[in-house]
Amino acid sequence: MTPLTKEKLTAFVKEVIVILEEDTTAGYLTSQESFDYIRLLLHASKHIFHKHPDYHEKVLQVTKPLIKLPSVKLRETKETLDRAYADIADKDAETGLRLPACGKCCLHYKAARLRKTDS
């Protein structure tokens, strides 16, 4: 059996990441599931290579850019919501509807839309 080189390990991890990204794009996995698999791979690497920390470091280098801090994920989610609310506001400006007084409350907004379509 040929020994595992750091280059082969890095190539393998990169191939796994490509497969996960393709499966996420195809809809077989959610982005959260893909992220969980990457974290699992990193966790397994820590245990498998506990006597060879330089190998674990290589896995860490490849997977680290894919792991997001909770604060970064929260900021991205907030930005996505803000864009969605801006789109809704634009559509409402065209139709004459407006966001409820509370700003972004979905229940009040849906009620306002229903009242508008009933009249």
Protein backbone atom coordinates (compact mmCIF):
# COMPACT_ATOMS: atom_id res chain seq x y z
CA MET A 1 0.00 0.00 0.00
CA THR A 2 1.36 3.41 -0.93
CA PRO A 3 1.67 5.92 1.88
CA LEU A 4 -0.76 8.80 2.04
CA THR A 5 0.84 12.05 0.98
CA LYS A 6 -0.41 15.44 2.04
CA GLU A 7 -1.10 16.25 -1.60
CA LYS A 8 -3.29 13.14 -2.03
CA LEU A 9 -5.14 13.98 1.18
CA THR A 10 -5.75 17.55 0.08
CA ALA A 11 -6.92 16.39 -3.36
CA PHE A 12 -9.31 13.89 -1.76
CA VAL A 13 -10.83 16.48 0.58
CA LYS A 14 -11.23 18.92 -2.32
CA GLU A 15 -13.00 16.22 -4.35
CA VAL A 16 -15.37 15.54 -1.45
CA ILE A 17 -16.15 19.26 -1.23
CA VAL A 18 -16.85 19.42 -4.98
CA ILE A 19 -19.23 16.46 -4.69
CA LEU A 20 -21.03 18.10 -1.76
CA GLU A 21 -21.35 21.37 -3.69
CA GLU A 22 -22.71 19.54 -6.75
CA ASP A 23 -25.22 17.64 -4.60
CA THR A 24 -26.31 20.90 -2.97
CA THR A 25 -26.73 22.58 -6.36
CA ALA A 26 -28.70 19.58 -7.65
CA GLY A 27 -30.97 19.73 -4.61
CA TYR A 28 -29.93 16.38 -3.10
CA LEU A 29 -28.56 18.16 -0.04
CA THR A 30 -29.44 21.39 1.68
CA SER A 31 -26.63 23.85 2.32
CA GLN A 32 -26.93 23.03 6.04
CA GLU A 33 -26.48 19.31 5.34
CA SER A 34 -23.45 20.02 3.17
CA PHE A 35 -22.00 22.22 5.92
CA ASP A 36 -22.65 19.44 8.47
CA TYR A 37 -20.78 16.92 6.33
CA ILE A 38 -17.80 19.27 6.06
CA ARG A 39 -17.79 19.73 9.83
CA LEU A 40 -18.04 15.96 10.26
CA LEU A 41 -15.08 15.49 7.90
CA LEU A 42 -13.07 18.00 9.91
CA HIS A 43 -14.03 16.32 13.19
CA ALA A 44 -13.11 12.88 11.82
CA SER A 45 -9.78 14.22 10.58
CA LYS A 46 -8.97 15.48 14.06
CA HIS A 47 -9.45 11.97 15.47
CA ILE A 48 -7.92 10.00 12.59
CA PHE A 49 -4.80 12.12 12.42
CA HIS A 50 -4.31 12.72 16.15
CA LYS A 51 -0.80 11.25 15.86
CA HIS A 52 -0.14 13.18 12.63
CA PRO A 53 -1.23 16.77 13.31
CA ASP A 54 0.33 18.02 10.07
CA TYR A 55 -2.19 15.92 8.11
CA HIS A 56 -5.08 17.30 10.14
CA GLU A 57 -3.72 20.78 9.49
CA LYS A 58 -3.93 20.12 5.73
CA VAL A 59 -7.59 19.08 6.06
CA LEU A 60 -8.22 22.16 8.17
CA GLN A 61 -6.65 24.42 5.53
CA VAL A 62 -8.96 23.04 2.84
CA THR A 63 -12.18 23.10 4.89
CA LYS A 64 -11.67 26.25 6.95
CA PRO A 65 -12.88 28.71 4.27
CA LEU A 66 -16.16 26.75 4.05
CA ILE A 67 -16.99 27.00 7.75
CA LYS A 68 -18.82 30.20 8.63
CA LEU A 69 -19.09 31.79 12.03
CA PRO A 70 -22.63 32.07 13.41
CA SER A 71 -22.33 35.87 13.32
CA VAL A 72 -21.48 35.76 9.59
CA LYS A 73 -24.41 33.42 8.87
CA LEU A 74 -26.71 35.71 10.87
CA ARG A 75 -25.53 38.79 8.96
CA GLU A 76 -26.03 37.04 5.60
CA THR A 77 -29.53 35.93 6.62
CA LYS A 78 -30.41 39.46 7.72
CA GLU A 79 -29.15 40.88 4.42
CA THR A 80 -31.23 38.32 2.50
CA LEU A 81 -34.34 39.25 4.50
CA ASP A 82 -33.71 42.96 4.01
CA ARG A 83 -33.47 42.42 0.22
CA ALA A 84 -36.70 40.40 0.28
CA TYR A 85 -38.52 43.13 2.22
CA ALA A 86 -37.20 45.75 -0.20
CA ASP A 87 -38.55 43.68 -3.12
CA ILE A 88 -41.91 43.39 -1.39
CA ALA A 89 -41.99 47.12 -0.77
CA ASP A 90 -41.24 47.76 -4.45
CA LYS A 91 -44.05 45.44 -5.56
CA ASP A 92 -46.41 46.99 -3.06
CA ALA A 93 -45.60 50.44 -4.38
CA GLU A 94 -46.70 49.21 -7.81
CA THR A 95 -49.95 47.67 -6.49
CA GLY A 96 -50.82 50.29 -3.89
CA LEU A 97 -50.27 48.01 -0.90
CA ARG A 98 -47.89 49.02 1.83
CA LEU A 99 -46.11 47.31 4.66
CA PRO A 100 -47.99 47.36 7.97
CA ALA A 101 -47.19 49.91 10.64
CA CYS A 102 -45.01 47.47 12.54
CA GLY A 103 -42.65 47.32 9.56
CA LYS A 104 -41.93 43.73 8.76
CA CYS A 105 -44.52 41.61 10.57
CA CYS A 106 -45.58 38.82 8.23
CA LEU A 107 -48.95 38.20 9.90
CA HIS A 108 -49.99 41.84 9.64
CA TYR A 109 -48.65 42.04 6.10
CA LYS A 110 -50.60 38.95 4.98
CA ALA A 111 -53.74 40.32 6.61
CA ALA A 112 -53.28 43.62 4.75
CA ARG A 113 -52.85 41.77 1.46
CA LEU A 114 -55.98 39.70 2.09
CA ARG A 115 -58.00 42.82 2.91
CA LYS A 116 -56.74 44.47 -0.28
CA THR A 117 -57.76 41.49 -2.46
CA ASP A 118 -61.16 41.16 -0.75
CA SER A 119 -62.12 44.75 -1.60
